[in-house]
Amino acid sequence: MTETTAVPLEVPPPLWRTFEDFLAGVPTREIRYWCDRKAVRANRERLMSGRPKEGITTSDVVSVLTGARGRCSHCGSLAVEGAPMHPETRKPLPWAHIGRRIGSLDHIVSRFDGGPNTVENLRWSCHWCNTWHSERMPARRTMGQSCGTAPDSPLTRREQAARPGLGRALVCLAAHSRWMPA
């Protein structure tokens, strides 16, 4: 019997350091194509939520991306890379090692929970935070590595709701615990 050991994936350096570098280095038509693919995916029928009543456009996705300046709304990572693919077969490759650099659309209120498929209900997110909601941590920029516990842990939901000056929206969000960091 032979033993197999997992070889850790080497984390490549980020393709872009800033949103401006991304805009300067990627042709506009490629950015629009990338955003178009995200719009098509957001408009698709889903197993548990069906086809959305509203459809978003490529321009909607571009506005969400540029409004966020390519930064994840949860952790602040620059998320403007595509998911890794095999260069010859174009099949998806493991992405966990760079998950915070892959950009994705995130519905604020999920379609499954009755949220609309509108630009007002969308935010830019890294693939990691969009996939692993429990690991959403403000200002956590680990470039795709596992989060663990942040040294400067965020306030609990209860502390955030009770803290003066955070506004009614935060108190409302705190009532829906899954939308707030633990």
Protein backbone atom coordinates (compact mmCIF):
# COMPACT_ATOMS: atom_id res chain seq x y z
CA MET A 1 0.00 0.00 0.00
CA THR A 2 1.48 3.34 -0.98
CA GLU A 3 1.00 6.50 0.98
CA THR A 4 -0.11 9.62 -0.76
CA THR A 5 0.59 13.00 0.67
CA ALA A 6 -1.19 16.15 -0.29
CA VAL A 7 1.07 18.68 -1.88
CA PRO A 8 0.03 22.18 -0.86
CA LEU A 9 -0.71 24.50 -3.74
CA GLU A 10 1.73 27.32 -4.11
CA VAL A 11 -0.01 30.65 -3.75
CA PRO A 12 0.86 32.73 -6.79
CA PRO A 13 1.28 36.47 -6.35
CA PRO A 14 -1.80 38.58 -7.07
CA LEU A 15 -2.23 39.70 -10.66
CA TRP A 16 -3.18 43.23 -9.57
CA ARG A 17 -2.15 45.36 -6.58
CA THR A 18 -4.81 48.05 -6.98
CA PHE A 19 -8.09 48.56 -8.78
CA GLU A 20 -6.37 51.15 -10.97
CA ASP A 21 -3.75 48.53 -11.98
CA PHE A 22 -6.60 46.18 -12.90
CA LEU A 23 -8.35 48.82 -15.02
CA ALA A 24 -5.08 49.77 -16.73
CA GLY A 25 -4.05 46.16 -17.36
CA VAL A 26 -7.30 44.64 -18.62
CA PRO A 27 -9.03 45.84 -21.80
CA THR A 28 -12.51 47.26 -21.26
CA ARG A 29 -14.07 44.65 -23.54
CA GLU A 30 -12.61 41.85 -21.35
CA ILE A 31 -13.95 43.48 -18.18
CA ARG A 32 -17.39 43.81 -19.80
CA TYR A 33 -17.27 40.17 -20.97
CA TRP A 34 -16.33 39.05 -17.43
CA CYS A 35 -19.19 41.12 -16.00
CA ASP A 36 -21.55 39.75 -18.66
CA ARG A 37 -20.76 36.18 -17.54
CA LYS A 38 -21.57 37.19 -13.96
CA ALA A 39 -24.89 38.75 -15.07
CA VAL A 40 -25.83 35.60 -17.00
CA ARG A 41 -25.08 33.49 -13.94
CA ALA A 42 -27.07 35.78 -11.63
CA ASN A 43 -30.07 35.62 -13.99
CA ARG A 44 -30.09 31.83 -14.22
CA GLU A 45 -32.74 29.60 -12.77
CA ARG A 46 -31.65 28.02 -9.51
CA LEU A 47 -32.74 24.75 -7.98
CA MET A 48 -34.22 26.30 -4.85
CA SER A 49 -35.24 29.74 -6.11
CA GLY A 50 -36.29 29.37 -9.74
CA ARG A 51 -35.81 32.03 -12.42
CA PRO A 52 -35.71 35.60 -11.06
CA LYS A 53 -38.47 38.06 -11.95
CA GLU A 54 -35.93 40.82 -12.56
CA GLY A 55 -32.83 40.48 -14.68
CA ILE A 56 -29.56 42.31 -14.21
CA THR A 57 -27.45 43.56 -17.08
CA THR A 58 -23.75 43.70 -17.80
CA SER A 59 -23.86 47.43 -16.99
CA ASP A 60 -25.40 46.63 -13.58
CA VAL A 61 -22.50 44.31 -12.79
CA VAL A 62 -19.97 46.88 -14.01
CA SER A 63 -21.56 49.49 -11.73
CA VAL A 64 -21.39 47.14 -8.72
CA LEU A 65 -17.75 46.31 -9.50
CA THR A 66 -16.70 49.93 -9.99
CA GLY A 67 -18.77 51.14 -7.04
CA ALA A 68 -16.84 48.75 -4.80
CA ARG A 69 -13.57 49.58 -6.60
CA GLY A 70 -13.07 45.82 -6.91
CA ARG A 71 -12.99 45.34 -3.12
CA CYS A 72 -14.94 42.66 -1.28
CA SER A 73 -17.73 44.26 0.74
CA HIS A 74 -17.01 41.87 3.62
CA CYS A 75 -13.24 41.54 4.01
CA GLY A 76 -11.91 44.34 1.81
CA SER A 77 -9.75 42.09 -0.39
CA LEU A 78 -9.12 43.22 -3.95
CA ALA A 79 -11.27 40.66 -5.78
CA VAL A 80 -10.78 41.19 -9.51
CA GLU A 81 -9.35 37.87 -10.66
CA GLY A 82 -11.25 35.07 -12.34
CA ALA A 83 -11.47 31.53 -11.03
CA PRO A 84 -8.45 29.40 -11.98
CA MET A 85 -8.85 27.11 -14.97
CA HIS A 86 -6.68 24.50 -16.61
CA PRO A 87 -4.89 26.26 -19.50
CA GLU A 88 -5.68 23.53 -22.04
CA THR A 89 -9.01 22.02 -20.96
CA ARG A 90 -10.48 25.19 -19.37
CA LYS A 91 -11.83 22.99 -16.57
CA PRO A 92 -12.06 24.61 -13.12
CA LEU A 93 -9.11 24.13 -10.78
CA PRO A 94 -9.07 24.32 -6.95
CA TRP A 95 -9.53 27.93 -5.90
CA ALA A 96 -9.23 27.97 -2.09
CA HIS A 97 -5.62 29.19 -2.17
CA ILE A 98 -6.66 32.36 -4.01
CA GLY A 99 -10.35 32.57 -3.05
CA ARG A 100 -10.14 36.09 -1.69
CA ARG A 101 -8.86 37.36 -5.04
CA ILE A 102 -11.71 35.94 -7.17
CA GLY A 103 -14.48 38.49 -7.73
CA SER A 104 -18.15 37.55 -7.50
CA LEU A 105 -21.60 39.07 -7.18
CA ASP A 106 -23.30 38.60 -3.84
CA HIS A 107 -27.01 39.05 -3.22
CA ILE A 108 -27.50 40.99 0.04
CA VAL A 109 -30.75 39.13 0.66
CA SER A 110 -30.40 35.80 -1.11
CA ARG A 111 -32.80 34.86 -3.86
CA PHE A 112 -33.67 31.76 -1.85
CA ASP A 113 -34.85 34.04 0.97
CA GLY A 114 -36.96 36.14 -1.39
CA GLY A 115 -34.37 38.80 -2.24
CA PRO A 116 -34.77 40.46 -5.63
CA ASN A 117 -32.28 40.09 -8.45
CA THR A 118 -31.76 43.87 -8.70
CA VAL A 119 -28.69 46.07 -8.58
CA GLU A 120 -29.89 47.46 -5.22
CA ASN A 121 -29.65 43.94 -3.76
CA LEU A 122 -26.16 43.23 -5.11
CA ARG A 123 -22.72 43.85 -3.68
CA TRP A 124 -19.22 42.88 -4.78
CA SER A 125 -17.68 40.02 -2.86
CA CYS A 126 -14.65 37.79 -3.00
CA HIS A 127 -15.45 34.18 -3.82
CA TRP A 128 -14.31 33.10 -0.34
CA CYS A 129 -16.74 35.38 1.55
CA ASN A 130 -19.54 34.61 -0.90
CA THR A 131 -19.05 30.87 -0.40
CA TRP A 132 -18.12 30.67 3.30
CA HIS A 133 -20.43 33.14 5.05
CA SER A 134 -19.13 32.13 8.48
CA GLU A 135 -15.65 33.38 7.57
CA ARG A 136 -16.69 36.89 6.60
CA MET A 137 -14.52 39.18 8.66
CA PRO A 138 -14.17 42.93 8.19
CA ALA A 139 -10.76 44.08 6.96
CA ARG A 140 -9.47 40.52 6.70
CA ARG A 141 -7.09 40.52 3.74
CA THR A 142 -5.42 37.12 3.72
CA MET A 143 -5.32 36.72 -0.07
CA GLY A 144 -7.13 33.39 0.03
CA GLN A 145 -5.53 31.73 3.01
CA SER A 146 -7.71 30.33 5.77
CA CYS A 147 -9.02 33.03 8.07
CA GLY A 148 -8.91 31.48 11.51
CA THR A 149 -9.46 34.11 14.20
CA ALA A 150 -8.64 37.70 13.49
CA PRO A 151 -6.32 39.27 16.05
CA ASP A 152 -8.57 42.30 16.34
CA SER A 153 -11.85 40.42 16.45
CA PRO A 154 -14.93 42.41 15.36
CA LEU A 155 -17.72 43.24 17.76
CA THR A 156 -20.38 40.63 18.35
CA ARG A 157 -23.81 41.18 16.79
CA ARG A 158 -25.25 42.17 20.16
CA GLU A 159 -22.45 44.70 20.76
CA GLN A 160 -22.92 46.15 17.28
CA ALA A 161 -26.68 46.49 17.73
CA ALA A 162 -26.27 48.18 21.12
CA ARG A 163 -23.47 50.52 20.04
CA PRO A 164 -24.77 54.08 19.57
CA GLY A 165 -24.23 55.79 16.25
CA LEU A 166 -24.25 52.69 14.07
CA GLY A 167 -27.69 53.48 12.76
CA ARG A 168 -30.98 51.73 12.25
CA ALA A 169 -29.73 49.64 9.30
CA LEU A 170 -27.12 47.89 11.41
CA VAL A 171 -29.67 47.15 14.14
CA CYS A 172 -31.99 45.67 11.49
CA LEU A 173 -29.15 43.61 10.06
CA ALA A 174 -28.22 42.39 13.53
CA ALA A 175 -31.69 40.90 13.84
CA HIS A 176 -30.83 38.70 10.85
CA SER A 177 -27.76 37.10 12.42
CA ARG A 178 -26.51 35.33 9.34
CA TRP A 179 -25.77 38.66 7.61
CA MET A 180 -23.49 39.88 10.39
CA PRO A 181 -20.03 38.61 11.33
CA ALA A 182 -20.00 36.39 14.40
